[in-house]
Amino acid sequence: MSKLPAKTKKIKDSKPDPKYIFVVGGVMSGVGKGVTTASIGQILQARGYNVSAIKMDPYINVDAGTMNPIEHGEVFVTEDGDETDQDIGNYERFLNKNIYKENYMTTGRVYQTVIARERNLEYKGKCVQVVPHIPMEIRDRIERAVQKTGAEIMIIEIGGTVGEYENLLFLEAARVMKLYKPKDVLFVMVSYLPIPNKIGEMKTKPTQHAVRNLQSAGIQPDFLVARSERMIDQARREKLSINCNVALESVIAAPDADSIYDIPLNFEKDNLSERILEKFNLPKKKSNNEEWQKMVQATKIKTPEVNIGIVGKYFASGDFSLGDSYISVIEAIKHAAAFNKCKVKTHWLGAEDVEKQGAKAFKGLDGLIIPQGWGGRGAEGKIEAIRYCREKGVPYFGLCYGMQMAVIEFARNVAGLKEANSAEVNPKTPDPVIHIMPGQEKLIKEKGYGGTIRLGGWPCKLQAGTKLEKAYAKFTDKKTVSERHRHRYEFNNDYRSRFAELGLIVAGTSPDGTIVEAIEIKNHPFFVGVQFHPEYISRPLAPHPLFVEFIKTCKGKR
């Protein structure tokens, strides 16, 4: 970590030093480190502290943009255009604030920076080594994120599982921070306690081994978050306390919850925020979490139940269906359902399965969403789903690729352009109603894929009198809103006036009117496609207006 000049050290700052909480995982992946990190942030923020969060990804990828969504989950785009891990989305939703690129790092990004600095002679001729220079860069990045956010407490999630080779350098950076700042750094291990069916007993031994692996890296956990199907009992708390060298009251129960939004409140049953503040020797400000509690209660409603179909292609993994590829969409639906006092049941519809089944795939659904996507696989199934919604008056919400497919469906079946398509799917189509954005073709030819598409927050001008404008008007008086993007192709303006005459309304544009950001169809309960990703900015305490209106329409039709 960069050292302060000697004269700076002598200046006494009345403001307390920032505090750091590292969250690591044990036993297996997928136990909820990201939600734990977000939940700890939420309960500390409720006590009046400025909290932010960082995700450290162990991948060599520079960012998450080029990762397979089935393997890694959703790519979450920040307001400043960084393509990040889906956990950044959880941080934003739980903290109800934007998280920026300074708060995300990968092994590849760290190495890229160190190598670039070496090439620029910024190490002044030193031999640049994995240790100490990589951990030093990691620690410098943490400090830059603290400066950017002004965080009093920074929570840092280390990706992967303890014992893996890939995250050792992140652990080493954390260990050295603890060495230099012993009173300002805490460690939380989130570890799984299995209950084998044939045994029927909660087992602590895997977690004991995980803690020993962490100790072998020079780190002792201050808290153990005991993830399991059921609540940990006193006997297992005591066993973990004794064998893992953790105080009994620092073993925190984390049983399976009905909703991820229950987790902060569950943590407070073990007084987690108070115990963290005690260890940091920080004032125990009164918790003010009433708004969160009300929101959680709103998610408990059982009826009426609205059935929403999601037509996609990124949730099949062998014999299992995974929702992580569309996690922001799922959460945005939940936020809107709670706001509309209803329950939503989501139905996963494989786009390629729709191609085979046709209209019978949509039986019993109150509305359809087509989220983001790339390439041509499953495109015809999505177009079939859109046609069904348009002709049957079923509420439809197209997100990014879902808007593009809606334009293609309209072109083929309303405008009579039978071979209309996206240039991405068919570069030789005679009617490229969706075409590549200016400058992108050159990047593709040069294979400049990573981080080069239209990313981050961009202004969208709402057109007066549209469903789009009316939906936003219930939440804001702004006529131009900021929405996040992640795309390389766009609506072809050569077809704009022709489609308008046939009933396709351009409902939102860039401020100069050149980029079509949203479309609607006349005389339909709800048929909206947006080039942006409203799901990225939907939060449990601030649901997105378009999801709210979509769910409201689906509920009303039911």
Protein backbone atom coordinates (compact mmCIF):
# COMPACT_ATOMS: atom_id res chain seq x y z
CA MET A 1 0.00 0.00 0.00
CA SER A 2 1.31 3.46 -0.81
CA LYS A 3 2.86 5.19 2.23
CA LEU A 4 1.93 8.72 3.23
CA PRO A 5 4.68 11.37 3.27
CA ALA A 6 6.20 11.87 6.73
CA LYS A 7 4.79 15.37 7.18
CA THR A 8 1.27 14.12 6.40
CA LYS A 9 1.49 11.52 9.16
CA LYS A 10 1.94 14.23 11.79
CA ILE A 11 -1.35 15.93 10.99
CA LYS A 12 -4.00 14.60 13.34
CA ASP A 13 -7.33 14.06 11.60
CA SER A 14 -10.38 14.06 13.85
CA LYS A 15 -12.24 11.85 11.40
CA PRO A 16 -11.92 8.14 12.30
CA ASP A 17 -9.95 5.95 9.93
CA PRO A 18 -12.06 3.96 7.46
CA LYS A 19 -12.98 0.44 8.53
CA TYR A 20 -12.71 -2.63 6.32
CA ILE A 21 -14.69 -5.87 6.43
CA PHE A 22 -13.47 -8.71 4.22
CA VAL A 23 -16.04 -11.38 3.37
CA VAL A 24 -14.70 -14.78 2.31
CA GLY A 25 -16.39 -18.08 1.48
CA GLY A 26 -15.88 -21.60 2.78
CA VAL A 27 -16.81 -25.16 1.76
CA MET A 28 -18.46 -24.36 -1.60
CA SER A 29 -19.41 -21.58 -3.96
CA GLY A 30 -22.90 -20.15 -4.21
CA VAL A 31 -23.55 -20.00 -0.47
CA GLY A 32 -24.38 -16.29 -0.56
CA LYS A 33 -21.22 -14.23 -0.03
CA GLY A 34 -22.60 -11.47 -2.22
CA VAL A 35 -25.93 -11.26 -0.42
CA THR A 36 -24.12 -11.49 2.94
CA THR A 37 -21.87 -8.59 1.92
CA ALA A 38 -24.88 -6.55 0.78
CA SER A 39 -26.84 -7.41 3.94
CA ILE A 40 -24.01 -6.41 6.27
CA GLY A 41 -23.81 -3.15 4.37
CA GLN A 42 -27.55 -2.60 4.70
CA ILE A 43 -27.68 -3.06 8.48
CA LEU A 44 -24.63 -0.85 9.05
CA GLN A 45 -26.06 1.82 6.75
CA ALA A 46 -29.31 1.64 8.74
CA ARG A 47 -27.24 2.67 11.76
CA GLY A 48 -26.22 5.87 10.02
CA TYR A 49 -22.81 4.93 8.58
CA ASN A 50 -21.62 5.67 5.05
CA VAL A 51 -21.11 2.19 3.64
CA SER A 52 -19.90 0.94 0.29
CA ALA A 53 -18.82 -2.46 -1.08
CA ILE A 54 -16.15 -3.91 -3.36
CA LYS A 55 -16.14 -7.16 -5.34
CA MET A 56 -12.84 -8.92 -6.06
CA ASP A 57 -13.22 -11.49 -8.85
CA PRO A 58 -10.41 -14.07 -9.18
CA TYR A 59 -10.78 -14.38 -12.98
CA ILE A 60 -8.08 -13.39 -15.45
CA ASN A 61 -10.81 -11.62 -17.49
CA VAL A 62 -10.37 -7.86 -17.28
CA ASP A 63 -14.10 -7.48 -16.68
CA ALA A 64 -17.22 -9.65 -16.70
CA GLY A 65 -18.34 -8.52 -20.15
CA THR A 66 -16.78 -11.42 -22.02
CA MET A 67 -17.82 -14.13 -19.53
CA ASN A 68 -20.44 -16.75 -20.39
CA PRO A 69 -23.60 -15.77 -18.44
CA ILE A 70 -24.55 -19.44 -17.87
CA GLU A 71 -21.21 -20.09 -16.18
CA HIS A 72 -20.72 -16.78 -14.38
CA GLY A 73 -24.20 -15.30 -14.13
CA GLU A 74 -25.47 -11.92 -15.21
CA VAL A 75 -23.18 -9.14 -16.33
CA PHE A 76 -24.18 -6.09 -14.28
CA VAL A 77 -23.45 -2.68 -15.81
CA THR A 78 -22.68 0.26 -13.55
CA GLU A 79 -23.73 3.86 -14.18
CA ASP A 80 -20.18 4.71 -15.32
CA GLY A 81 -20.16 1.83 -17.82
CA ASP A 82 -18.22 -0.96 -16.13
CA GLU A 83 -19.23 -4.56 -16.91
CA THR A 84 -19.14 -6.24 -13.52
CA ASP A 85 -20.14 -9.28 -11.51
CA GLN A 86 -23.81 -9.68 -10.58
CA ASP A 87 -22.95 -9.09 -6.91
CA ILE A 88 -22.41 -5.40 -7.68
CA GLY A 89 -26.12 -5.38 -8.53
CA ASN A 90 -26.94 -6.78 -5.10
CA TYR A 91 -24.81 -4.11 -3.46
CA GLU A 92 -26.73 -1.39 -5.33
CA ARG A 93 -30.11 -2.90 -4.50
CA PHE A 94 -29.40 -3.36 -0.78
CA LEU A 95 -27.59 -0.05 -0.26
CA ASN A 96 -29.93 1.87 -2.61
CA LYS A 97 -26.99 3.71 -4.16
CA ASN A 98 -24.78 3.52 -7.23
CA ILE A 99 -21.59 1.48 -7.15
CA TYR A 100 -18.85 2.60 -9.54
CA LYS A 101 -15.98 0.96 -11.43
CA GLU A 102 -13.52 1.70 -8.64
CA ASN A 103 -15.42 -0.88 -6.56
CA TYR A 104 -14.82 -3.79 -8.92
CA MET A 105 -11.60 -5.60 -9.72
CA THR A 106 -10.53 -8.86 -11.30
CA THR A 107 -7.16 -10.62 -11.21
CA GLY A 108 -6.83 -9.73 -14.91
CA ARG A 109 -7.50 -6.05 -14.27
CA VAL A 110 -4.96 -5.91 -11.44
CA TYR A 111 -2.25 -7.66 -13.47
CA GLN A 112 -3.00 -5.47 -16.49
CA THR A 113 -2.41 -2.34 -14.40
CA VAL A 114 0.81 -3.64 -12.84
CA ILE A 115 2.23 -4.71 -16.21
CA ALA A 116 1.32 -1.36 -17.78
CA ARG A 117 3.06 0.46 -14.92
CA GLU A 118 6.15 -1.70 -15.36
CA ARG A 119 6.23 -0.90 -19.10
CA ASN A 120 6.02 2.81 -18.23
CA LEU A 121 8.99 2.52 -15.82
CA GLU A 122 6.77 3.57 -12.92
CA TYR A 123 8.54 1.04 -10.69
CA LYS A 124 11.82 2.84 -11.44
CA GLY A 125 13.73 -0.23 -12.56
CA LYS A 126 12.76 -2.56 -9.72
CA CYS A 127 12.19 -6.24 -10.32
CA VAL A 128 8.39 -6.42 -10.43
CA GLN A 129 7.15 -9.51 -8.59
CA VAL A 130 3.81 -11.20 -7.90
CA VAL A 131 4.47 -10.50 -4.22
CA PRO A 132 4.54 -7.73 -3.11
CA HIS A 133 3.47 -5.74 -6.19
CA ILE A 134 0.16 -7.46 -6.99
CA PRO A 135 -1.14 -7.27 -3.37
CA MET A 136 0.08 -3.66 -3.21
CA GLU A 137 -1.98 -2.79 -6.29
CA ILE A 138 -5.01 -4.53 -4.76
CA ARG A 139 -4.67 -2.51 -1.56
CA ASP A 140 -4.20 0.73 -3.51
CA ARG A 141 -7.41 -0.02 -5.43
CA ILE A 142 -9.28 -0.52 -2.16
CA GLU A 143 -8.04 2.85 -0.91
CA ARG A 144 -9.05 4.56 -4.16
CA ALA A 145 -12.56 3.12 -3.82
CA VAL A 146 -12.75 4.48 -0.26
CA GLN A 147 -11.69 7.92 -1.48
CA LYS A 148 -14.19 7.82 -4.35
CA THR A 149 -17.14 6.80 -2.15
CA GLY A 150 -16.19 8.49 1.12
CA ALA A 151 -17.07 5.21 2.84
CA GLU A 152 -16.66 5.04 6.60
CA ILE A 153 -17.02 1.27 6.36
CA MET A 154 -15.93 -0.56 3.20
CA ILE A 155 -17.07 -4.17 2.81
CA ILE A 156 -14.92 -6.25 0.45
CA GLU A 157 -16.10 -9.57 -0.96
CA ILE A 158 -13.34 -11.91 -2.08
CA GLY A 159 -14.66 -14.16 -4.84
CA GLY A 160 -14.20 -17.90 -4.89
CA THR A 161 -13.76 -20.23 -1.94
CA VAL A 162 -10.98 -20.38 0.66
CA GLY A 163 -8.44 -23.03 -0.31
CA GLU A 164 -8.50 -22.18 -4.02
CA TYR A 165 -5.27 -21.05 -5.65
CA GLU A 166 -6.97 -18.26 -7.60
CA ASN A 167 -7.84 -15.91 -4.73
CA LEU A 168 -4.62 -16.24 -2.69
CA LEU A 169 -3.32 -12.84 -3.76
CA PHE A 170 -6.52 -11.14 -2.63
CA LEU A 171 -6.23 -12.92 0.72
CA GLU A 172 -2.59 -11.84 0.95
CA ALA A 173 -3.58 -8.20 0.37
CA ALA A 174 -6.21 -8.52 3.10
CA ARG A 175 -3.74 -10.15 5.50
CA VAL A 176 -1.26 -7.29 5.10
CA MET A 177 -4.01 -4.72 5.62
CA LYS A 178 -4.88 -6.43 8.90
CA LEU A 179 -1.18 -6.32 9.85
CA TYR A 180 -0.95 -2.57 9.24
CA LYS A 181 -4.45 -1.70 10.50
CA PRO A 182 -5.27 -4.29 13.21
CA LYS A 183 -8.10 -2.22 14.71
CA ASP A 184 -9.63 -1.29 11.37
CA VAL A 185 -9.96 -4.68 9.62
CA LEU A 186 -12.38 -7.56 10.29
CA PHE A 187 -12.93 -10.89 8.54
CA VAL A 188 -16.26 -12.63 7.98
CA MET A 189 -16.36 -16.18 6.68
CA VAL A 190 -19.58 -17.39 5.04
CA SER A 191 -19.49 -21.18 5.25
CA TYR A 192 -21.92 -23.97 4.49
CA LEU A 193 -23.09 -26.51 7.07
CA PRO A 194 -24.57 -29.51 5.23
CA ILE A 195 -27.35 -31.72 6.60
CA PRO A 196 -26.98 -35.05 4.72
CA ASN A 197 -30.41 -36.65 4.17
CA LYS A 198 -29.40 -40.09 5.36
CA ILE A 199 -27.73 -38.73 8.48
CA GLY A 200 -30.10 -35.94 9.47
CA GLU A 201 -27.46 -34.03 11.43
CA MET A 202 -25.93 -30.62 10.71
CA LYS A 203 -22.20 -31.12 10.09
CA THR A 204 -19.58 -28.56 11.11
CA LYS A 205 -16.43 -30.39 10.00
CA PRO A 206 -16.30 -28.91 6.45
CA THR A 207 -16.42 -25.42 7.97
CA GLN A 208 -13.69 -26.32 10.47
CA HIS A 209 -11.46 -27.35 7.57
CA ALA A 210 -12.33 -24.16 5.69
CA VAL A 211 -11.33 -22.03 8.67
CA ARG A 212 -8.01 -23.89 8.90
CA ASN A 213 -7.42 -23.17 5.22
CA LEU A 214 -8.05 -19.49 5.92
CA GLN A 215 -5.71 -19.60 8.91
CA SER A 216 -3.02 -21.13 6.68
CA ALA A 217 -3.21 -17.89 4.67
CA GLY A 218 -2.49 -15.98 7.88
CA ILE A 219 -6.07 -14.88 8.52
CA GLN A 220 -8.32 -15.58 11.50
CA PRO A 221 -12.05 -14.96 10.95
CA ASP A 222 -13.79 -12.64 13.41
CA PHE A 223 -17.28 -13.84 12.46
CA LEU A 224 -18.66 -17.07 11.04
CA VAL A 225 -21.89 -16.84 9.06
CA ALA A 226 -23.39 -20.33 9.31
CA ARG A 227 -25.25 -21.00 6.06
CA SER A 228 -27.54 -24.00 6.10
CA GLU A 229 -31.01 -25.24 5.26
CA ARG A 230 -32.05 -24.79 8.87
CA MET A 231 -31.17 -22.61 11.84
CA ILE A 232 -27.92 -23.56 13.52
CA ASP A 233 -28.46 -24.91 17.05
CA GLN A 234 -26.55 -24.11 20.23
CA ALA A 235 -24.51 -27.33 20.15
CA ARG A 236 -23.13 -26.54 16.68
CA ARG A 237 -22.48 -22.93 17.59
CA GLU A 238 -20.37 -24.12 20.51
CA LYS A 239 -18.51 -26.64 18.35
CA LEU A 240 -17.67 -24.00 15.75
CA SER A 241 -16.66 -21.52 18.42
CA ILE A 242 -14.24 -23.92 20.11
CA ASN A 243 -12.74 -25.45 16.97
CA CYS A 244 -12.55 -22.29 14.87
CA ASN A 245 -11.31 -19.90 17.58
CA VAL A 246 -14.34 -17.62 17.15
CA ALA A 247 -16.39 -16.12 20.00
CA LEU A 248 -19.71 -17.91 20.53
CA GLU A 249 -21.73 -14.74 19.91
CA SER A 250 -19.82 -14.24 16.65
CA VAL A 251 -21.28 -17.38 15.08
CA ILE A 252 -24.16 -15.89 13.11
CA ALA A 253 -27.16 -17.94 11.97
CA ALA A 254 -27.98 -17.80 8.26
CA PRO A 255 -30.68 -20.37 7.47
CA ASP A 256 -32.37 -20.50 4.07
CA ALA A 257 -34.74 -17.54 3.71
CA ASP A 258 -37.89 -17.06 1.64
CA SER A 259 -36.43 -13.85 0.23
CA ILE A 260 -32.92 -12.41 0.10
CA TYR A 261 -34.41 -9.23 1.57
CA ASP A 262 -35.10 -11.12 4.80
CA ILE A 263 -31.39 -11.66 5.39
CA PRO A 264 -30.45 -8.26 6.90
CA LEU A 265 -33.29 -8.63 9.42
CA ASN A 266 -32.24 -12.22 10.17
CA PHE A 267 -28.69 -11.03 10.87
CA GLU A 268 -30.00 -8.50 13.34
CA LYS A 269 -31.59 -11.31 15.37
CA ASP A 270 -27.98 -12.13 16.31
CA ASN A 271 -27.18 -8.41 16.74
CA LEU A 272 -24.58 -8.57 13.98
CA SER A 273 -24.36 -4.82 13.29
CA GLU A 274 -23.91 -4.07 17.00
CA ARG A 275 -21.17 -6.69 17.34
CA ILE A 276 -19.33 -5.31 14.31
CA LEU A 277 -19.44 -1.79 15.74
CA GLU A 278 -18.20 -3.11 19.09
CA LYS A 279 -15.18 -4.73 17.43
CA PHE A 280 -14.43 -1.52 15.53
CA ASN A 281 -14.97 0.56 18.68
CA LEU A 282 -17.47 2.72 16.77
CA PRO A 283 -20.52 4.44 18.32
CA LYS A 284 -23.61 2.21 18.33
CA LYS A 285 -25.96 4.57 16.60
CA LYS A 286 -29.64 3.66 16.73
CA SER A 287 -30.79 1.45 13.86
CA ASN A 288 -33.38 3.02 11.58
CA ASN A 289 -34.59 0.18 9.38
CA GLU A 290 -38.37 0.66 9.39
CA GLU A 291 -38.60 1.33 5.64
CA TRP A 292 -36.76 -1.91 4.89
CA GLN A 293 -39.02 -3.84 7.28
CA LYS A 294 -42.13 -2.49 5.55
CA MET A 295 -40.74 -3.49 2.17
CA VAL A 296 -40.01 -7.01 3.41
CA GLN A 297 -43.57 -7.34 4.70
CA ALA A 298 -44.88 -6.27 1.29
CA THR A 299 -42.99 -9.18 -0.32
CA LYS A 300 -44.84 -11.71 1.89
CA ILE A 301 -48.19 -11.28 0.18
CA LYS A 302 -49.48 -14.58 -1.26
CA THR A 303 -52.35 -13.45 -3.48
CA PRO A 304 -53.21 -12.39 -6.08
CA GLU A 305 -50.61 -14.38 -8.04
CA VAL A 306 -49.52 -13.09 -11.43
CA ASN A 307 -47.82 -15.48 -13.89
CA ILE A 308 -44.98 -13.96 -15.91
CA GLY A 309 -43.09 -15.82 -18.62
CA ILE A 310 -39.42 -15.04 -19.27
CA VAL A 311 -38.29 -16.14 -22.72
CA GLY A 312 -34.51 -16.51 -22.81
CA LYS A 313 -31.64 -18.85 -23.57
CA TYR A 314 -29.16 -18.38 -20.73
CA PHE A 315 -30.61 -20.52 -17.95
CA ALA A 316 -30.05 -24.13 -19.02
CA SER A 317 -27.01 -25.85 -17.47
CA GLY A 318 -27.14 -29.57 -18.10
CA ASP A 319 -30.23 -30.91 -16.37
CA PHE A 320 -30.65 -27.77 -14.25
CA SER A 321 -32.29 -24.39 -14.83
CA LEU A 322 -30.46 -21.37 -13.43
CA GLY A 323 -31.85 -17.88 -12.94
CA ASP A 324 -28.55 -16.07 -12.30
CA SER A 325 -28.24 -14.99 -15.94
CA TYR A 326 -31.28 -12.75 -15.44
CA ILE A 327 -31.02 -11.98 -11.74
CA SER A 328 -31.64 -8.22 -12.09
CA VAL A 329 -34.79 -8.91 -14.12
CA ILE A 330 -36.04 -11.34 -11.48
CA GLU A 331 -35.40 -8.87 -8.67
CA ALA A 332 -36.99 -5.97 -10.59
CA ILE A 333 -40.13 -8.09 -11.01
CA LYS A 334 -40.17 -8.75 -7.25
CA HIS A 335 -39.79 -5.04 -6.47
CA ALA A 336 -42.70 -4.17 -8.76
CA ALA A 337 -44.85 -7.00 -7.37
CA ALA A 338 -44.37 -5.78 -3.80
CA PHE A 339 -45.25 -2.25 -4.89
CA ASN A 340 -48.43 -3.54 -6.60
CA LYS A 341 -49.34 -5.74 -3.62
CA CYS A 342 -49.28 -9.00 -5.53
CA LYS A 343 -47.13 -12.09 -5.88
CA VAL A 344 -45.40 -13.00 -9.12
CA LYS A 345 -44.61 -16.52 -10.26
CA THR A 346 -41.99 -16.60 -12.99
CA HIS A 347 -41.99 -19.27 -15.69
CA TRP A 348 -38.79 -20.01 -17.59
CA LEU A 349 -39.37 -20.52 -21.31
CA GLY A 350 -36.41 -21.62 -23.41
CA ALA A 351 -36.46 -19.67 -26.68
CA GLU A 352 -35.58 -22.82 -28.64
CA ASP A 353 -38.37 -24.74 -26.89
CA VAL A 354 -40.84 -22.02 -27.94
CA GLU A 355 -39.76 -22.56 -31.55
CA LYS A 356 -40.95 -26.18 -31.21
CA GLN A 357 -44.07 -25.69 -29.05
CA GLY A 358 -45.52 -22.50 -30.49
CA ALA A 359 -48.42 -20.70 -28.76
CA LYS A 360 -49.16 -23.54 -26.32
CA ALA A 361 -45.96 -22.57 -24.46
CA PHE A 362 -47.72 -19.40 -23.26
CA LYS A 363 -50.85 -20.98 -21.79
CA GLY A 364 -51.85 -19.46 -18.45
CA LEU A 365 -49.39 -16.57 -18.59
CA ASP A 366 -50.47 -13.02 -17.73
CA GLY A 367 -47.49 -11.33 -19.37
CA LEU A 368 -44.19 -11.98 -21.14
CA ILE A 369 -40.70 -10.50 -20.80
CA ILE A 370 -37.86 -11.00 -23.26
CA PRO A 371 -34.60 -9.86 -21.65
CA GLN A 372 -31.10 -9.30 -23.00
CA GLY A 373 -29.45 -11.66 -25.44
CA TRP A 374 -26.87 -11.97 -28.19
CA GLY A 375 -26.66 -13.77 -31.52
CA GLY A 376 -29.24 -15.71 -33.51
CA ARG A 377 -29.85 -18.82 -31.42
CA GLY A 378 -33.47 -18.85 -30.24
CA ALA A 379 -34.33 -15.61 -32.07
CA GLU A 380 -37.27 -17.12 -33.97
CA GLY A 381 -38.79 -18.41 -30.74
CA LYS A 382 -38.62 -14.93 -29.26
CA ILE A 383 -40.24 -13.43 -32.36
CA GLU A 384 -43.02 -16.02 -32.09
CA ALA A 385 -43.60 -15.04 -28.45
CA ILE A 386 -43.77 -11.35 -29.36
CA ARG A 387 -46.27 -11.97 -32.14
CA TYR A 388 -48.45 -13.88 -29.69
CA CYS A 389 -48.42 -10.94 -27.25
CA ARG A 390 -49.12 -8.34 -29.94
CA GLU A 391 -52.01 -10.24 -31.52
CA LYS A 392 -53.60 -11.54 -28.29
CA GLY A 393 -53.29 -8.33 -26.27
CA VAL A 394 -50.98 -9.99 -23.71
CA PRO A 395 -48.75 -7.49 -21.85
CA TYR A 396 -45.23 -7.54 -23.30
CA PHE A 397 -42.01 -5.97 -22.01
CA GLY A 398 -38.88 -6.20 -24.18
CA LEU A 399 -35.51 -5.37 -22.66
CA CYS A 400 -32.65 -4.44 -25.03
CA TYR A 401 -32.60 -7.48 -27.35
CA GLY A 402 -36.29 -7.85 -26.49
CA MET A 403 -36.97 -4.45 -28.07
CA GLN A 404 -34.95 -5.34 -31.15
CA MET A 405 -36.88 -8.59 -31.60
CA ALA A 406 -40.17 -6.64 -31.24
CA VAL A 407 -39.12 -4.33 -34.07
CA ILE A 408 -38.31 -7.34 -36.26
CA GLU A 409 -41.67 -8.97 -35.49
CA PHE A 410 -43.50 -5.74 -36.37
CA ALA A 411 -41.52 -5.36 -39.58
CA ARG A 412 -42.35 -8.89 -40.71
CA ASN A 413 -45.95 -9.28 -39.65
CA VAL A 414 -47.32 -5.72 -39.80
CA ALA A 415 -45.12 -3.94 -42.34
CA GLY A 416 -44.91 -7.00 -44.59
CA LEU A 417 -41.09 -7.13 -44.71
CA LYS A 418 -40.94 -10.92 -44.50
CA GLU A 419 -37.14 -11.15 -44.49
CA ALA A 420 -36.57 -8.32 -42.00
CA ASN A 421 -33.99 -9.11 -39.36
CA SER A 422 -31.16 -7.79 -37.25
CA ALA A 423 -27.80 -7.45 -38.98
CA GLU A 424 -26.41 -9.28 -35.96
CA VAL A 425 -28.53 -12.37 -36.71
CA ASN A 426 -28.43 -12.17 -40.52
CA PRO A 427 -25.86 -9.75 -41.99
CA LYS A 428 -27.32 -10.34 -45.47
CA THR A 429 -30.94 -9.47 -44.67
CA PRO A 430 -32.50 -7.14 -47.28
CA ASP A 431 -34.23 -5.24 -44.48
CA PRO A 432 -31.84 -4.68 -41.55
CA VAL A 433 -34.39 -2.98 -39.29
CA ILE A 434 -31.83 -3.40 -36.50
CA HIS A 435 -28.33 -2.46 -37.60
CA ILE A 436 -24.92 -1.91 -36.07
CA MET A 437 -24.15 1.36 -34.30
CA PRO A 438 -21.68 3.81 -35.89
CA GLY A 439 -18.07 2.87 -35.11
CA GLN A 440 -18.88 -0.64 -33.95
CA GLU A 441 -18.26 -2.34 -37.31
CA LYS A 442 -14.62 -1.25 -37.26
CA LEU A 443 -14.20 -2.59 -33.72
CA ILE A 444 -15.62 -5.97 -34.72
CA LYS A 445 -13.27 -6.24 -37.71
CA GLU A 446 -10.35 -5.52 -35.39
CA LYS A 447 -11.74 -7.97 -32.80
CA GLY A 448 -12.04 -5.17 -30.26
CA TYR A 449 -14.87 -6.75 -28.30
CA GLY A 450 -14.10 -6.19 -24.62
CA GLY A 451 -15.62 -3.04 -23.10
CA THR A 452 -16.25 -1.36 -26.47
CA ILE A 453 -20.04 -1.50 -26.81
CA ARG A 454 -22.44 1.25 -25.68
CA LEU A 455 -22.24 0.97 -21.91
CA GLY A 456 -23.43 2.76 -18.78
CA GLY A 457 -25.92 5.50 -18.11
CA TRP A 458 -27.24 7.50 -21.09
CA PRO A 459 -30.08 10.07 -21.20
CA CYS A 460 -33.44 9.06 -22.66
CA LYS A 461 -35.91 11.75 -23.68
CA LEU A 462 -39.49 10.67 -23.00
CA GLN A 463 -42.05 11.43 -25.69
CA ALA A 464 -45.19 13.17 -24.43
CA GLY A 465 -48.44 11.21 -24.29
CA THR A 466 -46.80 7.76 -24.44
CA LYS A 467 -47.25 4.91 -21.97
CA LEU A 468 -43.55 5.31 -21.27
CA GLU A 469 -43.91 8.95 -20.26
CA LYS A 470 -47.00 8.26 -18.14
CA ALA A 471 -45.28 5.41 -16.29
CA TYR A 472 -42.29 7.58 -15.35
CA ALA A 473 -44.54 10.52 -14.43
CA LYS A 474 -45.87 8.57 -11.43
CA PHE A 475 -42.35 8.60 -9.94
CA THR A 476 -40.58 11.65 -11.35
CA ASP A 477 -41.35 14.95 -13.08
CA LYS A 478 -38.24 14.63 -15.28
CA LYS A 479 -38.81 14.46 -19.02
CA THR A 480 -35.31 13.09 -19.64
CA VAL A 481 -34.15 10.16 -17.52
CA SER A 482 -30.87 8.26 -17.24
CA GLU A 483 -30.93 4.56 -18.12
CA ARG A 484 -28.15 2.00 -18.44
CA HIS A 485 -27.17 0.38 -21.71
CA ARG A 486 -25.24 -2.61 -22.99
CA HIS A 487 -25.61 -3.06 -26.74
CA ARG A 488 -23.88 -2.85 -30.09
CA TYR A 489 -26.91 -2.75 -32.42
CA GLU A 490 -29.79 -0.26 -32.64
CA PHE A 491 -33.05 0.64 -34.39
CA ASN A 492 -32.48 1.56 -38.06
CA ASN A 493 -33.93 5.04 -38.57
CA ASP A 494 -34.48 4.37 -42.27
CA TYR A 495 -37.66 2.51 -41.24
CA ARG A 496 -38.83 4.95 -38.58
CA SER A 497 -41.47 6.94 -40.48
CA ARG A 498 -42.87 3.87 -42.26
CA PHE A 499 -43.35 1.96 -39.00
CA ALA A 500 -44.86 5.03 -37.30
CA GLU A 501 -47.59 5.17 -39.97
CA LEU A 502 -48.45 1.54 -39.15
CA GLY A 503 -48.74 2.08 -35.38
CA LEU A 504 -45.25 1.62 -33.95
CA ILE A 505 -44.60 4.60 -31.66
CA VAL A 506 -41.11 5.85 -30.86
CA ALA A 507 -41.63 6.51 -27.15
CA GLY A 508 -38.12 7.47 -26.11
CA THR A 509 -35.02 8.79 -27.88
CA SER A 510 -31.58 10.17 -27.18
CA PRO A 511 -31.81 13.93 -26.45
CA ASP A 512 -30.89 14.75 -30.07
CA GLY A 513 -33.54 12.34 -31.35
CA THR A 514 -31.14 10.18 -33.34
CA ILE A 515 -31.16 6.97 -31.27
CA VAL A 516 -34.45 5.16 -30.67
CA GLU A 517 -34.45 4.20 -26.99
CA ALA A 518 -38.00 2.86 -26.63
CA ILE A 519 -40.94 1.76 -28.75
CA GLU A 520 -44.63 1.09 -28.12
CA ILE A 521 -47.55 -0.24 -30.14
CA LYS A 522 -50.86 1.59 -30.37
CA ASN A 523 -54.09 0.13 -28.98
CA HIS A 524 -52.42 -2.46 -26.75
CA PRO A 525 -52.69 -2.79 -22.94
CA PHE A 526 -48.91 -2.78 -22.55
CA PHE A 527 -46.49 -3.44 -25.39
CA VAL A 528 -43.22 -1.67 -24.62
CA GLY A 529 -39.67 -2.35 -25.77
CA VAL A 530 -36.66 -0.46 -24.45
CA GLN A 531 -33.11 -0.46 -25.77
CA PHE A 532 -31.81 0.04 -22.24
CA HIS A 533 -31.83 -2.14 -19.12
CA PRO A 534 -34.29 -0.72 -16.56
CA GLU A 535 -33.70 -3.79 -14.38
CA TYR A 536 -30.22 -2.52 -13.49
CA ILE A 537 -31.55 0.46 -11.57
CA SER A 538 -34.61 -1.12 -9.95
CA ARG A 539 -34.27 -1.41 -6.17
CA PRO A 540 -36.52 -2.81 -3.44
CA LEU A 541 -36.98 0.66 -1.94
CA ALA A 542 -37.20 2.31 -5.40
CA PRO A 543 -38.84 -0.02 -7.96
CA HIS A 544 -38.48 0.90 -11.61
CA PRO A 545 -41.52 2.72 -13.08
CA LEU A 546 -41.72 0.51 -16.17
CA PHE A 547 -41.68 -2.76 -14.22
CA VAL A 548 -44.29 -1.30 -11.86
CA GLU A 549 -46.57 -0.41 -14.79
CA PHE A 550 -46.01 -3.76 -16.52
CA ILE A 551 -46.89 -5.79 -13.39
CA LYS A 552 -49.84 -3.49 -12.68
CA THR A 553 -51.20 -4.16 -16.18
CA CYS A 554 -50.67 -7.92 -15.85
CA LYS A 555 -52.42 -7.92 -12.48
CA GLY A 556 -55.31 -5.88 -13.87
CA LYS A 557 -55.85 -8.21 -16.80
CA ARG A 558 -55.83 -11.21 -14.49
